[in-house]
Amino acid sequence: MPVNNYPKQVPTSTFAYVGCRTTRERNARGKGINVFRVGNESGNWEHIQLLENIMNPSFLTFNHNKTFIYCVHGDSSEVSAFRVNKDTGRLEFINQQSTGGKNPVHLVVDPTDQFLIVANYISGTLSVLPINPDGSLEPFSDLIQSSSTLDYNVNEVDLYAKQGISHPHHIPFNKNGRFLVVPDLGLNKICTFTLDTTEGKLIANQPPFGIAPKGSGPRHIDFHPTLPYAYGINELDSTVSTYHFDGQEGRPELLQIQSTLPHSIDGNTGAGIAVAPSGRFVYASNRGHDSIVTFRIEESTGKLTSMDWVSTQGKTPRFFALDPTGEFLYVANEDSDTIITFKVNKETGKLAPTGQVINTESPVCIVFSSHTS
């Protein structure tokens, strides 16, 4: 009888980490960072850890081999570092540092794993914190203003008192890791920087920014996996902007603006955005309409066509995330304390609710860790 010499396939362990709001000022019910084990065949979530007494861990990010996780503490001035046990998924606190600013809302580890960069929304600043080999954070090595003032009258776009003052809301690196890209909600700019990894300093690109439509309030941005396009969701006017993004020069050039809504709706704001791994679809979330819109990407131009809207089956979908396989999309409904699971049709892009509901208080961020034992 022939011997099968092929190595046995070992299942991949997947864990989900959920950040939340915790404070009375945010009308929140969250208690800290929740950790779940995700069934690789069933997709079911099993709760395995709650790290309590953590103020507003409202956004989370990993280093690149996912041995450490970092979180902002929204409405305060700190970030924290945690060690990840890859076998159990559990987290262990390492240390905490000041960001030098007010209300950190997003953070990212640079491609070399040497620095953590943080966007301070209220103070309009970006801070850079060196990362030690053990994952701990050093005091910030740089603290800069996100952008300069606008060249037009602030009062003509005074929406929700958020306009006219720098409010960086998101700071991802583009796909080749060369540029830090910063949607500034208050100044209607898409700012770009490079990082000097010798000094731990941010350097404004030249030109330093692209212009978003007045009063749009650019909030988050995501990049096409292979083509030179970026897609930004605008909070204040519920639109998605399509940009040509030059990965060598770091220049965002506005190509198109599309509504995230099927018709005019009062009281809606844009929230999250993600490009499908296939590069064929873009998803965006609406708070108020409480929906996820699916757009089809035209490959030759990068432009979008809206296809479909699905209810998030909850209130205020501040965040959503695709799982590591791209099979499922998970929506964090902040004000109804649920995460709703949708099955992704990879051919059509459409979303279908699976019926799975994960109950967790005030969820606003989901990140995944997956590895093979």
Protein backbone atom coordinates (compact mmCIF):
# COMPACT_ATOMS: atom_id res chain seq x y z
CA MET A 1 0.00 0.00 0.00
CA PRO A 2 1.55 3.37 -0.99
CA VAL A 3 2.51 5.73 1.78
CA ASN A 4 1.09 9.25 1.71
CA ASN A 5 4.10 11.50 2.24
CA TYR A 6 2.19 14.76 1.96
CA PRO A 7 2.33 16.84 5.15
CA LYS A 8 -0.85 16.96 7.17
CA GLN A 9 -2.82 20.16 6.87
CA VAL A 10 -2.97 21.95 10.19
CA PRO A 11 -6.01 24.18 10.76
CA THR A 12 -5.43 27.90 10.90
CA SER A 13 -6.28 29.66 14.17
CA THR A 14 -8.22 32.88 13.76
CA PHE A 15 -8.94 35.39 16.50
CA ALA A 16 -11.03 38.57 16.43
CA TYR A 17 -10.21 41.55 18.64
CA VAL A 18 -12.99 44.05 19.27
CA GLY A 19 -12.44 47.60 20.50
CA CYS A 20 -15.28 49.64 21.97
CA ARG A 21 -16.36 52.84 23.63
CA THR A 22 -16.60 52.75 27.43
CA THR A 23 -17.35 56.20 28.83
CA ARG A 24 -20.56 57.89 29.96
CA GLU A 25 -19.69 60.92 27.84
CA ARG A 26 -20.00 58.65 24.78
CA ASN A 27 -23.21 57.03 26.08
CA ALA A 28 -21.23 53.80 25.96
CA ARG A 29 -21.73 50.40 27.54
CA GLY A 30 -18.43 48.78 26.60
CA LYS A 31 -16.08 47.33 29.21
CA GLY A 32 -12.76 46.96 27.37
CA ILE A 33 -11.11 44.86 24.63
CA ASN A 34 -12.92 41.60 23.83
CA VAL A 35 -11.14 38.64 22.24
CA PHE A 36 -12.97 35.91 20.29
CA ARG A 37 -11.90 32.66 18.65
CA VAL A 38 -13.42 32.39 15.16
CA GLY A 39 -14.35 28.92 13.91
CA ASN A 40 -12.62 28.37 10.58
CA GLU A 41 -15.37 26.14 9.20
CA SER A 42 -18.44 27.34 11.07
CA GLY A 43 -17.53 31.02 11.32
CA ASN A 44 -18.91 31.04 14.86
CA TRP A 45 -17.32 33.34 17.45
CA GLU A 46 -16.34 32.07 20.91
CA HIS A 47 -15.55 34.66 23.57
CA ILE A 48 -12.20 33.92 25.28
CA GLN A 49 -11.06 37.13 27.01
CA LEU A 50 -12.16 40.55 28.23
CA LEU A 51 -9.51 43.10 29.19
CA GLU A 52 -11.47 45.37 31.51
CA ASN A 53 -10.94 48.90 32.78
CA ILE A 54 -9.46 50.16 29.51
CA MET A 55 -10.76 53.61 28.59
CA ASN A 56 -12.27 53.81 25.10
CA PRO A 57 -10.07 51.31 23.21
CA SER A 58 -11.75 52.63 20.09
CA PHE A 59 -9.22 51.60 17.46
CA LEU A 60 -6.76 48.69 17.35
CA THR A 61 -3.85 47.75 15.10
CA PHE A 62 -1.19 45.02 14.91
CA ASN A 63 2.47 45.03 14.08
CA HIS A 64 3.15 43.12 10.88
CA ASN A 65 3.72 39.63 12.26
CA LYS A 66 0.83 40.16 14.72
CA THR A 67 2.82 39.50 17.87
CA PHE A 68 1.76 42.86 19.37
CA ILE A 69 -1.43 44.89 19.31
CA TYR A 70 -1.79 48.60 19.99
CA CYS A 71 -4.86 50.63 20.91
CA VAL A 72 -5.78 54.28 21.17
CA HIS A 73 -7.73 55.56 24.17
CA GLY A 74 -10.33 57.78 22.55
CA ASP A 75 -11.02 61.20 24.13
CA SER A 76 -7.82 60.95 26.18
CA SER A 77 -4.16 61.34 25.18
CA GLU A 78 -2.70 57.82 25.44
CA VAL A 79 -1.96 54.66 23.50
CA SER A 80 -1.28 51.19 24.92
CA ALA A 81 0.71 48.15 23.83
CA PHE A 82 -0.25 44.50 24.37
CA ARG A 83 1.52 41.18 23.73
CA VAL A 84 -0.41 38.59 21.68
CA ASN A 85 -0.27 34.89 22.56
CA LYS A 86 -0.57 33.39 19.08
CA ASP A 87 -1.67 29.99 20.41
CA THR A 88 -4.46 31.19 22.70
CA GLY A 89 -5.17 34.61 21.21
CA ARG A 90 -5.08 36.20 24.65
CA LEU A 91 -3.56 39.63 25.29
CA GLU A 92 -1.13 40.80 27.96
CA PHE A 93 -0.60 44.48 28.76
CA ILE A 94 2.93 45.81 28.10
CA ASN A 95 2.91 49.59 28.61
CA GLN A 96 1.25 52.91 27.84
CA GLN A 97 2.54 56.22 26.48
CA SER A 98 1.21 59.72 25.83
CA THR A 99 0.50 60.75 22.25
CA GLY A 100 1.11 64.41 23.06
CA GLY A 101 -2.32 65.23 21.59
CA LYS A 102 -6.04 65.02 22.33
CA ASN A 103 -8.47 62.27 21.29
CA PRO A 104 -6.34 59.75 19.39
CA VAL A 105 -8.66 58.10 16.85
CA HIS A 106 -6.46 55.96 14.61
CA LEU A 107 -3.01 54.40 14.65
CA VAL A 108 -0.74 52.39 12.38
CA VAL A 109 2.61 50.59 12.60
CA ASP A 110 5.08 51.58 9.89
CA PRO A 111 6.28 48.94 7.36
CA THR A 112 9.58 48.43 9.24
CA ASP A 113 7.81 47.70 12.58
CA GLN A 114 9.93 50.40 14.24
CA PHE A 115 7.33 53.12 14.81
CA LEU A 116 3.70 53.61 15.77
CA ILE A 117 2.01 56.66 14.24
CA VAL A 118 -1.12 58.13 15.84
CA ALA A 119 -3.74 60.62 14.62
CA ASN A 120 -4.91 63.01 17.36
CA TYR A 121 -8.31 64.21 16.15
CA ILE A 122 -9.08 67.15 18.45
CA SER A 123 -5.58 68.66 18.53
CA GLY A 124 -5.05 68.09 14.79
CA THR A 125 -1.67 66.45 15.29
CA LEU A 126 0.23 63.31 14.30
CA SER A 127 2.60 61.65 16.77
CA VAL A 128 5.33 59.08 16.15
CA LEU A 129 6.30 56.64 18.92
CA PRO A 130 9.32 54.30 18.61
CA ILE A 131 8.61 50.60 19.18
CA ASN A 132 11.10 48.49 21.13
CA PRO A 133 11.86 44.86 20.14
CA ASP A 134 9.70 43.65 23.05
CA GLY A 135 6.72 45.60 21.64
CA SER A 136 6.80 48.33 24.26
CA LEU A 137 6.41 51.96 23.26
CA GLU A 138 8.89 54.76 23.82
CA PRO A 139 7.87 58.43 24.31
CA PHE A 140 6.99 60.12 21.03
CA SER A 141 9.89 61.09 18.77
CA ASP A 142 7.83 63.48 16.66
CA LEU A 143 4.65 65.54 17.05
CA ILE A 144 3.51 67.62 14.09
CA GLN A 145 0.44 69.48 12.88
CA SER A 146 -1.48 67.41 10.35
CA SER A 147 -1.97 70.27 7.93
CA SER A 148 -2.24 74.04 7.51
CA THR A 149 -5.36 76.21 7.52
CA LEU A 150 -7.67 76.45 4.54
CA ASP A 151 -7.49 79.21 1.95
CA TYR A 152 -11.22 80.00 2.05
CA ASN A 153 -13.67 81.37 4.64
CA VAL A 154 -14.27 78.82 7.40
CA ASN A 155 -17.85 79.98 7.97
CA GLU A 156 -19.02 78.96 4.51
CA VAL A 157 -18.52 75.28 5.36
CA ASP A 158 -19.16 75.32 9.11
CA LEU A 159 -20.76 71.87 9.32
CA TYR A 160 -21.20 70.35 12.77
CA ALA A 161 -18.46 72.77 13.97
CA LYS A 162 -15.95 70.27 12.57
CA GLN A 163 -14.79 72.26 9.58
CA GLY A 164 -11.99 74.81 9.37
CA ILE A 165 -9.82 73.14 12.03
CA SER A 166 -7.50 70.22 11.36
CA HIS A 167 -9.07 66.88 12.33
CA PRO A 168 -6.99 63.93 11.03
CA HIS A 169 -9.21 60.85 11.25
CA HIS A 170 -7.33 57.98 9.55
CA ILE A 171 -3.64 57.34 8.80
CA PRO A 172 -3.04 54.21 6.71
CA PHE A 173 0.03 53.60 4.59
CA ASN A 174 -0.62 53.12 0.89
CA LYS A 175 -0.15 49.64 -0.58
CA ASN A 176 3.59 49.93 -1.26
CA GLY A 177 4.17 51.37 2.22
CA ARG A 178 5.87 54.47 0.88
CA PHE A 179 3.33 57.11 1.95
CA LEU A 180 1.32 57.77 5.08
CA VAL A 181 -2.06 59.03 3.83
CA VAL A 182 -4.14 61.23 6.14
CA PRO A 183 -7.77 62.18 5.42
CA ASP A 184 -8.30 65.44 7.34
CA LEU A 185 -12.01 65.79 8.09
CA GLY A 186 -11.77 69.40 9.23
CA LEU A 187 -9.70 70.77 6.35
CA ASN A 188 -11.07 68.69 3.44
CA LYS A 189 -7.61 67.51 2.46
CA ILE A 190 -5.92 64.18 1.82
CA CYS A 191 -2.46 64.82 3.30
CA THR A 192 0.56 62.65 2.49
CA PHE A 193 3.79 62.10 4.40
CA THR A 194 6.87 59.94 4.31
CA LEU A 195 8.56 58.61 7.45
CA ASP A 196 12.25 59.07 8.21
CA THR A 197 12.93 55.78 10.02
CA THR A 198 16.39 56.93 11.12
CA GLU A 199 15.10 59.91 13.09
CA GLY A 200 11.49 58.84 13.66
CA LYS A 201 10.19 61.99 11.96
CA LEU A 202 7.35 62.60 9.51
CA ILE A 203 8.13 64.59 6.36
CA ALA A 204 5.37 66.32 4.39
CA ASN A 205 5.25 65.11 0.81
CA GLN A 206 5.53 67.56 -2.09
CA PRO A 207 2.84 68.44 -2.92
CA PRO A 208 1.69 67.87 0.69
CA PHE A 209 -1.97 67.14 0.01
CA GLY A 210 -4.82 66.64 -2.43
CA ILE A 211 -8.08 68.53 -2.13
CA ALA A 212 -11.38 66.88 -1.21
CA PRO A 213 -14.73 68.59 -1.95
CA LYS A 214 -15.59 71.51 0.36
CA GLY A 215 -17.74 70.44 3.28
CA SER A 216 -17.34 66.72 2.52
CA GLY A 217 -15.34 65.81 5.64
CA PRO A 218 -12.98 63.05 4.43
CA ARG A 219 -12.93 60.38 7.15
CA HIS A 220 -11.34 57.07 6.05
CA ILE A 221 -9.56 55.85 2.92
CA ASP A 222 -8.65 52.48 1.39
CA PHE A 223 -6.55 51.46 -1.60
CA HIS A 224 -7.07 49.20 -4.58
CA PRO A 225 -4.83 46.12 -4.16
CA THR A 226 -3.23 46.35 -7.62
CA LEU A 227 -4.39 49.47 -9.48
CA PRO A 228 -3.47 53.13 -8.77
CA TYR A 229 -6.77 54.08 -7.12
CA ALA A 230 -7.88 55.05 -3.63
CA TYR A 231 -11.40 55.36 -2.22
CA GLY A 232 -12.28 57.75 0.57
CA ILE A 233 -15.52 57.97 2.52
CA ASN A 234 -16.68 61.46 3.41
CA GLU A 235 -18.45 61.76 6.74
CA LEU A 236 -20.35 65.02 6.40
CA ASP A 237 -21.97 64.72 2.97
CA SER A 238 -22.32 60.90 2.79
CA THR A 239 -20.23 60.40 -0.33
CA VAL A 240 -17.31 58.30 -1.55
CA SER A 241 -14.50 59.97 -3.47
CA THR A 242 -12.46 58.06 -6.05
CA TYR A 243 -8.85 59.21 -6.40
CA HIS A 244 -6.07 58.35 -8.77
CA PHE A 245 -3.21 57.73 -6.35
CA ASP A 246 0.33 57.74 -7.68
CA GLY A 247 2.24 55.21 -5.55
CA GLN A 248 5.59 56.70 -6.55
CA GLU A 249 4.74 60.39 -6.11
CA GLY A 250 2.01 60.15 -3.46
CA ARG A 251 -0.40 62.47 -5.25
CA PRO A 252 -4.18 61.93 -4.78
CA GLU A 253 -6.13 63.27 -7.79
CA LEU A 254 -9.92 63.43 -7.45
CA LEU A 255 -11.73 61.51 -10.23
CA GLN A 256 -15.30 60.98 -9.04
CA ILE A 257 -17.78 61.53 -6.21
CA GLN A 258 -20.62 59.08 -5.53
CA SER A 259 -23.38 59.18 -2.90
CA THR A 260 -23.39 56.38 -0.33
CA LEU A 261 -27.20 56.60 -0.13
CA PRO A 262 -30.00 55.32 -2.40
CA HIS A 263 -31.81 58.67 -2.00
CA SER A 264 -31.55 61.85 0.04
CA ILE A 265 -31.72 61.17 3.79
CA ASP A 266 -31.40 63.68 6.61
CA GLY A 267 -29.15 62.89 9.55
CA ASN A 268 -26.87 60.37 7.84
CA THR A 269 -23.07 60.35 8.12
CA GLY A 270 -20.50 58.21 6.32
CA ALA A 271 -18.36 55.94 8.48
CA GLY A 272 -16.26 53.02 7.19
CA ILE A 273 -14.87 51.96 3.82
CA ALA A 274 -13.07 48.88 2.49
CA VAL A 275 -11.94 47.59 -0.91
CA ALA A 276 -12.56 43.89 -1.49
CA PRO A 277 -9.37 41.77 -1.77
CA SER A 278 -10.36 40.98 -5.37
CA GLY A 279 -10.24 44.69 -6.25
CA ARG A 280 -13.69 44.41 -7.87
CA PHE A 281 -15.87 46.02 -5.18
CA VAL A 282 -15.92 48.76 -2.57
CA TYR A 283 -18.05 48.67 0.59
CA ALA A 284 -19.04 51.67 2.72
CA SER A 285 -21.22 52.14 5.80
CA ASN A 286 -23.95 54.68 6.56
CA ARG A 287 -24.84 55.82 10.07
CA GLY A 288 -28.48 56.95 10.10
CA HIS A 289 -29.56 54.96 7.06
CA ASP A 290 -27.79 52.10 8.92
CA SER A 291 -26.69 50.27 5.80
CA ILE A 292 -23.73 48.93 3.85
CA VAL A 293 -23.53 50.04 0.23
CA THR A 294 -21.73 47.96 -2.39
CA PHE A 295 -20.03 49.65 -5.35
CA ARG A 296 -18.63 47.95 -8.44
CA ILE A 297 -15.18 49.14 -9.60
CA GLU A 298 -14.65 49.79 -13.30
CA GLU A 299 -11.19 48.38 -13.86
CA SER A 300 -10.22 50.66 -16.73
CA THR A 301 -11.03 53.91 -14.90
CA GLY A 302 -11.25 53.00 -11.20
CA LYS A 303 -14.67 54.69 -11.04
CA LEU A 304 -17.56 53.33 -9.00
CA THR A 305 -21.15 52.32 -9.71
CA SER A 306 -23.47 51.73 -6.76
CA MET A 307 -25.07 48.28 -6.85
CA ASP A 308 -26.83 47.40 -3.66
CA TRP A 309 -27.68 48.42 -0.09
CA VAL A 310 -28.23 46.04 2.84
CA SER A 311 -29.48 46.88 6.31
CA THR A 312 -26.89 46.42 9.05
CA GLN A 313 -29.69 45.04 11.27
CA GLY A 314 -28.63 47.42 14.02
CA LYS A 315 -27.91 51.04 14.84
CA THR A 316 -24.88 53.15 13.93
CA PRO A 317 -22.46 50.96 11.93
CA ARG A 318 -19.36 52.97 12.80
CA PHE A 319 -17.04 50.21 11.58
CA PHE A 320 -17.02 47.02 9.55
CA ALA A 321 -14.31 44.57 8.52
CA LEU A 322 -13.74 41.76 6.07
CA ASP A 323 -12.32 38.59 7.63
CA PRO A 324 -8.84 37.38 6.48
CA THR A 325 -10.36 35.10 3.81
CA GLY A 326 -12.72 37.72 2.37
CA GLU A 327 -15.59 35.25 2.88
CA PHE A 328 -17.40 37.27 5.55
CA LEU A 329 -18.02 40.92 6.34
CA TYR A 330 -18.67 41.86 9.98
CA VAL A 331 -20.52 45.06 10.90
CA ALA A 332 -20.03 46.70 14.31
CA ASN A 333 -23.32 48.37 15.25
CA GLU A 334 -22.16 50.75 17.98
CA ASP A 335 -25.56 51.77 19.37
CA SER A 336 -27.27 48.39 19.32
CA ASP A 337 -24.38 46.40 20.86
CA THR A 338 -24.12 43.86 18.06
CA ILE A 339 -21.75 42.57 15.40
CA ILE A 340 -23.70 41.22 12.41
CA THR A 341 -22.20 38.65 10.02
CA PHE A 342 -22.68 38.84 6.25
CA LYS A 343 -21.62 36.27 3.68
CA VAL A 344 -19.77 37.84 0.74
CA ASN A 345 -20.60 36.68 -2.77
CA LYS A 346 -17.19 37.08 -4.37
CA GLU A 347 -18.61 37.02 -7.91
CA THR A 348 -21.36 39.62 -7.49
CA GLY A 349 -20.03 41.48 -4.45
CA LYS A 350 -23.41 41.27 -2.76
CA LEU A 351 -23.82 40.70 0.96
CA ALA A 352 -26.26 38.29 2.63
CA PRO A 353 -26.84 38.12 6.40
CA THR A 354 -25.98 34.71 7.83
CA GLY A 355 -28.16 35.08 10.91
CA GLN A 356 -25.15 35.12 13.21
CA VAL A 357 -25.26 37.92 15.80
CA ILE A 358 -22.36 38.55 18.18
CA ASN A 359 -23.50 40.47 21.24
CA THR A 360 -20.87 42.87 22.59
CA GLU A 361 -21.27 46.35 24.04
CA SER A 362 -20.57 49.53 21.99
CA PRO A 363 -18.31 47.86 19.36
CA VAL A 364 -16.39 50.29 17.12
CA CYS A 365 -13.39 48.34 15.77
CA ILE A 366 -12.62 44.75 14.71
CA VAL A 367 -9.21 43.35 13.73
CA PHE A 368 -8.25 39.75 12.95
CA SER A 369 -5.22 37.58 13.58
CA SER A 370 -4.80 34.35 11.67
CA HIS A 371 -1.94 31.84 11.57
CA THR A 372 -1.17 28.20 10.88
CA SER A 373 0.20 26.12 13.74
